Amino acid sequence: MANTNAGMHTIEVCFTPKLFPEIVTKGNYVVVLVDILRATTSICAAFENGVKNIIPVATLTEAEEMKKKGFLVASEQDGKKLDFADFGNSAFNFSHEAVGGKTLVYCTTNGTRALDIAKNAGKIAMGAFINLNALTAWLAAEDEDVVILCSGWKNKFCLEDSLFAGALTRNLLDHGGFEIHCDSAAAALDLWQVAKPDLLGYIEKAAHRHRLKKLNLDDVIPYSFTLDQTSVVPVFEGTEIINVAI
């Protein structure tokens, strides 16, 4: 996707991992991976609480093998913690006492699988409402095009990730130096404008919010939709996620 204005960078939104191979952005760009419920929110929370680094793996088999090697493992399937894992996928699992100074292996239904799809695309940052402004500032400093990759739910569109895509797009446009020529980005912006006045109320429409409720795992919902609770910016580098905002 060529920039139409000199010095301007584009924002493209990809609503599901299935669409990622079809993105039109070319050249250098940063991917922002989004899985609000719950992987990227939980990853940000873990770094806020002092985790040293996170090793993402795409399959449960890999996660179980890492557990056998002695690693701390966070792993879930359809929201439920796996028997072999030390943690599930809630941000509240990752207290300083639990993860401070440690390495964590991480595998989730949607988020780490989306990361695996995009892993060869260059820099990949983790985006969540809880680190929205810190992420915006970091992206502006990177001075590259941005592709926002929503993890979705099993390769389908989901409201919570798309809402965040709209919020980040709005932030980047307001910061300056960015523009959009992408219908998905425009749609995400419109969705954010509708939901912003009552974000928690709007998210009651989200299917995954109700999946978590049925599992009694929805205590983290208010936290997940509260803006700017941390200044961490987790970025995938090679084989691990580290906090680049130290």
Protein backbone atom coordinates (compact mmCIF):
# COMPACT_ATOMS: atom_id res chain seq x y z
CA MET A 1 0.00 0.00 0.00
CA ALA A 2 1.76 3.14 -1.15
CA ASN A 3 1.59 6.27 0.98
CA THR A 4 -0.26 9.00 -0.89
CA ASN A 5 1.22 11.81 1.21
CA ALA A 6 4.96 12.13 1.71
CA GLY A 7 5.95 11.22 5.25
CA MET A 8 2.55 9.69 6.09
CA HIS A 9 2.14 6.10 7.21
CA THR A 10 -0.86 3.88 6.62
CA ILE A 11 -3.01 1.93 9.07
CA GLU A 12 -4.59 -1.31 7.88
CA VAL A 13 -6.95 -3.44 9.98
CA CYS A 14 -7.17 -7.20 9.53
CA PHE A 15 -10.29 -8.51 11.30
CA THR A 16 -9.24 -12.18 11.48
CA PRO A 17 -6.00 -14.18 11.08
CA LYS A 18 -7.46 -15.88 7.99
CA LEU A 19 -7.28 -12.52 6.22
CA PHE A 20 -3.69 -11.76 7.15
CA PRO A 21 -2.15 -13.37 4.04
CA GLU A 22 -4.26 -10.96 1.96
CA ILE A 23 -3.09 -7.67 3.52
CA VAL A 24 -2.15 -5.00 0.99
CA THR A 25 0.47 -3.17 3.09
CA LYS A 26 3.93 -3.70 1.60
CA GLY A 27 7.46 -2.86 2.65
CA ASN A 28 8.28 -2.26 6.31
CA TYR A 29 5.40 -2.35 8.76
CA VAL A 30 4.67 -3.16 12.38
CA VAL A 31 1.98 -5.70 13.27
CA VAL A 32 -0.14 -4.99 16.34
CA LEU A 33 -1.58 -8.26 17.58
CA VAL A 34 -4.88 -7.90 19.44
CA ASP A 35 -6.67 -10.47 21.61
CA ILE A 36 -8.51 -8.42 24.21
CA LEU A 37 -10.23 -11.47 25.76
CA ARG A 38 -7.71 -12.44 26.75
CA ALA A 39 -4.17 -13.08 25.51
CA THR A 40 -2.78 -9.60 24.76
CA THR A 41 -4.44 -8.09 27.85
CA SER A 42 -2.94 -10.87 29.96
CA ILE A 43 0.50 -10.51 28.36
CA CYS A 44 0.49 -6.78 29.18
CA ALA A 45 -0.60 -7.56 32.75
CA ALA A 46 2.22 -10.11 33.14
CA PHE A 47 4.83 -7.56 32.08
CA GLU A 48 3.30 -4.94 34.34
CA ASN A 49 3.82 -7.45 37.16
CA GLY A 50 7.44 -8.12 36.31
CA VAL A 51 7.56 -11.22 34.11
CA LYS A 52 11.03 -11.49 32.57
CA ASN A 53 9.95 -12.74 29.16
CA ILE A 54 7.21 -14.81 27.52
CA ILE A 55 7.73 -17.66 25.07
CA PRO A 56 4.61 -18.07 22.90
CA VAL A 57 3.84 -21.46 21.39
CA ALA A 58 1.15 -22.23 18.85
CA THR A 59 0.02 -25.71 19.97
CA LEU A 60 -0.97 -27.44 23.18
CA THR A 61 1.53 -30.20 22.43
CA GLU A 62 4.37 -27.66 22.43
CA ALA A 63 3.07 -26.13 25.65
CA GLU A 64 2.95 -29.51 27.38
CA GLU A 65 6.47 -30.34 26.22
CA MET A 66 7.73 -27.04 27.65
CA LYS A 67 6.05 -27.87 30.96
CA LYS A 68 7.93 -31.18 31.04
CA LYS A 69 11.15 -29.20 30.62
CA GLY A 70 10.39 -27.28 33.79
CA PHE A 71 8.92 -24.03 32.44
CA LEU A 72 5.99 -22.18 33.96
CA VAL A 73 3.13 -22.60 31.49
CA ALA A 74 -0.06 -20.64 30.89
CA SER A 75 -2.39 -22.55 28.60
CA GLU A 76 -6.09 -22.77 27.92
CA GLN A 77 -8.54 -24.14 25.40
CA ASP A 78 -11.88 -22.43 24.80
CA GLY A 79 -11.28 -20.39 27.96
CA LYS A 80 -10.57 -23.35 30.26
CA LYS A 81 -7.18 -23.91 31.92
CA LEU A 82 -5.49 -27.12 30.80
CA ASP A 83 -4.69 -29.73 33.46
CA PHE A 84 -0.94 -29.66 32.82
CA ALA A 85 -0.69 -25.85 32.96
CA ASP A 86 0.29 -23.67 35.92
CA PHE A 87 -2.07 -20.87 34.85
CA GLY A 88 -5.06 -20.25 32.66
CA ASN A 89 -5.37 -17.14 30.49
CA SER A 90 -6.73 -14.50 32.87
CA ALA A 91 -4.78 -11.30 33.48
CA PHE A 92 -5.46 -11.84 37.18
CA ASN A 93 -3.42 -15.06 37.13
CA PHE A 94 -0.19 -13.17 36.57
CA SER A 95 0.53 -11.46 39.87
CA HIS A 96 4.03 -10.26 40.73
CA GLU A 97 4.33 -13.14 43.20
CA ALA A 98 3.49 -15.65 40.49
CA VAL A 99 5.54 -14.36 37.54
CA GLY A 100 7.94 -11.64 38.72
CA GLY A 101 11.42 -12.20 37.27
CA LYS A 102 10.38 -15.47 35.60
CA THR A 103 10.01 -16.86 32.09
CA LEU A 104 6.48 -17.86 31.07
CA VAL A 105 5.43 -20.16 28.23
CA TYR A 106 2.10 -19.11 26.76
CA CYS A 107 -0.47 -20.88 24.56
CA THR A 108 -4.06 -19.78 23.91
CA THR A 109 -6.99 -20.67 21.67
CA ASN A 110 -6.68 -17.58 19.45
CA GLY A 111 -3.91 -15.14 20.38
CA THR A 112 -0.76 -17.24 20.13
CA ARG A 113 -2.05 -18.95 17.00
CA ALA A 114 -2.52 -15.55 15.36
CA LEU A 115 1.00 -14.63 16.45
CA ASP A 116 2.32 -17.77 14.77
CA ILE A 117 0.66 -16.73 11.50
CA ALA A 118 2.27 -13.28 11.60
CA LYS A 119 5.64 -14.22 13.10
CA ASN A 120 7.63 -13.66 9.89
CA ALA A 121 6.17 -10.23 9.22
CA GLY A 122 8.68 -8.19 11.23
CA LYS A 123 8.03 -6.50 14.54
CA ILE A 124 4.89 -7.63 16.36
CA ALA A 125 3.60 -5.60 19.31
CA MET A 126 0.88 -6.69 21.74
CA GLY A 127 -2.08 -4.31 21.89
CA ALA A 128 -4.72 -3.97 24.62
CA PHE A 129 -6.92 -1.26 26.03
CA ILE A 130 -4.75 -1.33 29.16
CA ASN A 131 -1.65 -0.17 27.21
CA LEU A 132 -3.34 1.90 24.49
CA ASN A 133 -1.51 5.21 24.90
CA ALA A 134 1.90 3.63 25.56
CA LEU A 135 1.50 1.53 22.43
CA THR A 136 0.41 4.57 20.40
CA ALA A 137 3.53 6.50 21.42
CA TRP A 138 5.79 3.54 20.62
CA LEU A 139 4.22 3.03 17.19
CA ALA A 140 4.60 6.72 16.36
CA ALA A 141 8.29 6.51 17.27
CA GLU A 142 8.75 3.41 15.10
CA ASP A 143 7.79 5.56 12.09
CA GLU A 144 6.43 2.71 9.96
CA ASP A 145 3.10 1.58 8.54
CA VAL A 146 0.87 -0.32 10.97
CA VAL A 147 -1.21 -3.47 10.44
CA ILE A 148 -3.62 -4.22 13.29
CA LEU A 149 -4.23 -7.97 13.40
CA CYS A 150 -7.32 -9.04 15.37
CA SER A 151 -7.09 -12.57 16.74
CA GLY A 152 -10.86 -12.99 16.53
CA TRP A 153 -12.54 -16.17 17.70
CA LYS A 154 -11.45 -19.29 15.83
CA ASN A 155 -10.75 -17.24 12.70
CA LYS A 156 -14.05 -15.36 12.88
CA PHE A 157 -14.68 -11.66 13.48
CA CYS A 158 -15.12 -10.60 17.11
CA LEU A 159 -16.34 -7.32 18.55
CA GLU A 160 -13.78 -6.76 21.30
CA ASP A 161 -10.70 -6.96 19.07
CA SER A 162 -12.33 -4.86 16.36
CA LEU A 163 -13.27 -2.19 18.91
CA PHE A 164 -9.65 -1.98 19.99
CA ALA A 165 -8.56 -1.69 16.36
CA GLY A 166 -10.83 1.34 16.08
CA ALA A 167 -9.49 2.87 19.31
CA LEU A 168 -5.86 2.46 18.21
CA THR A 169 -6.62 3.78 14.73
CA ARG A 170 -8.25 6.84 16.28
CA ASN A 171 -5.25 7.39 18.56
CA LEU A 172 -2.75 7.13 15.71
CA LEU A 173 -4.74 9.49 13.47
CA ASP A 174 -5.00 12.00 16.29
CA HIS A 175 -1.27 11.72 16.96
CA GLY A 176 -0.51 12.69 13.38
CA GLY A 177 1.64 11.13 10.68
CA PHE A 178 -0.88 8.38 9.89
CA GLU A 179 -3.72 7.99 7.41
CA ILE A 180 -6.14 5.26 6.33
CA HIS A 181 -7.16 3.96 2.91
CA CYS A 182 -8.70 0.79 4.32
CA ASP A 183 -12.42 0.06 4.68
CA SER A 184 -11.75 -2.23 7.65
CA ALA A 185 -9.99 0.60 9.48
CA ALA A 186 -12.87 2.96 8.68
CA ALA A 187 -15.39 0.41 9.95
CA ALA A 188 -13.38 -0.16 13.15
CA LEU A 189 -13.29 3.61 13.70
CA ASP A 190 -17.06 3.83 13.36
CA LEU A 191 -17.53 0.90 15.75
CA TRP A 192 -15.28 2.59 18.32
CA GLN A 193 -17.20 5.85 18.06
CA VAL A 194 -20.45 4.01 18.80
CA ALA A 195 -19.06 1.99 21.71
CA LYS A 196 -16.76 4.55 23.35
CA PRO A 197 -19.37 6.36 25.52
CA ASP A 198 -20.28 3.09 27.31
CA LEU A 199 -17.64 0.52 26.46
CA LEU A 200 -18.62 -2.02 29.11
CA GLY A 201 -22.26 -1.70 28.14
CA TYR A 202 -21.47 -2.20 24.47
CA ILE A 203 -19.27 -5.22 25.12
CA GLU A 204 -22.31 -7.06 26.50
CA LYS A 205 -23.01 -7.77 22.82
CA ALA A 206 -19.75 -9.70 22.44
CA ALA A 207 -20.15 -13.47 22.19
CA HIS A 208 -16.86 -14.22 23.94
CA ARG A 209 -17.84 -12.04 26.88
CA HIS A 210 -20.73 -14.48 27.44
CA ARG A 211 -18.57 -17.56 26.88
CA LEU A 212 -16.39 -16.35 29.76
CA LYS A 213 -19.44 -15.59 31.89
CA LYS A 214 -20.67 -19.17 31.53
CA LEU A 215 -17.26 -20.36 32.73
CA ASN A 216 -17.29 -17.91 35.68
CA LEU A 217 -14.20 -16.30 34.15
CA ASP A 218 -15.60 -12.82 33.51
CA ASP A 219 -14.23 -11.09 36.61
CA VAL A 220 -11.49 -9.63 34.40
CA ILE A 221 -13.91 -7.85 32.04
CA PRO A 222 -13.81 -4.37 33.68
CA TYR A 223 -10.01 -4.50 33.85
CA SER A 224 -9.74 -5.54 30.21
CA PHE A 225 -11.72 -2.53 29.03
CA THR A 226 -10.15 0.14 31.24
CA LEU A 227 -7.73 2.28 29.28
CA ASP A 228 -4.07 2.94 30.11
CA GLN A 229 -3.42 0.93 33.23
CA THR A 230 0.16 0.17 32.17
CA SER A 231 2.96 1.68 30.10
CA VAL A 232 4.42 -1.66 28.96
CA VAL A 233 4.81 -2.43 25.26
CA PRO A 234 5.36 -6.16 24.77
CA VAL A 235 7.02 -6.98 21.43
CA PHE A 236 7.75 -10.38 19.89
CA GLU A 237 11.43 -10.69 18.97
CA GLY A 238 12.63 -13.94 17.44
CA THR A 239 11.28 -16.57 19.82
CA GLU A 240 10.17 -14.51 22.79
CA ILE A 241 8.08 -11.53 23.86
CA ILE A 242 9.87 -8.81 25.79
CA ASN A 243 8.87 -5.41 27.14
CA VAL A 244 10.52 -2.74 24.98
CA ALA A 245 9.21 0.15 27.09
CA ILE A 246 11.63 -0.32 29.98
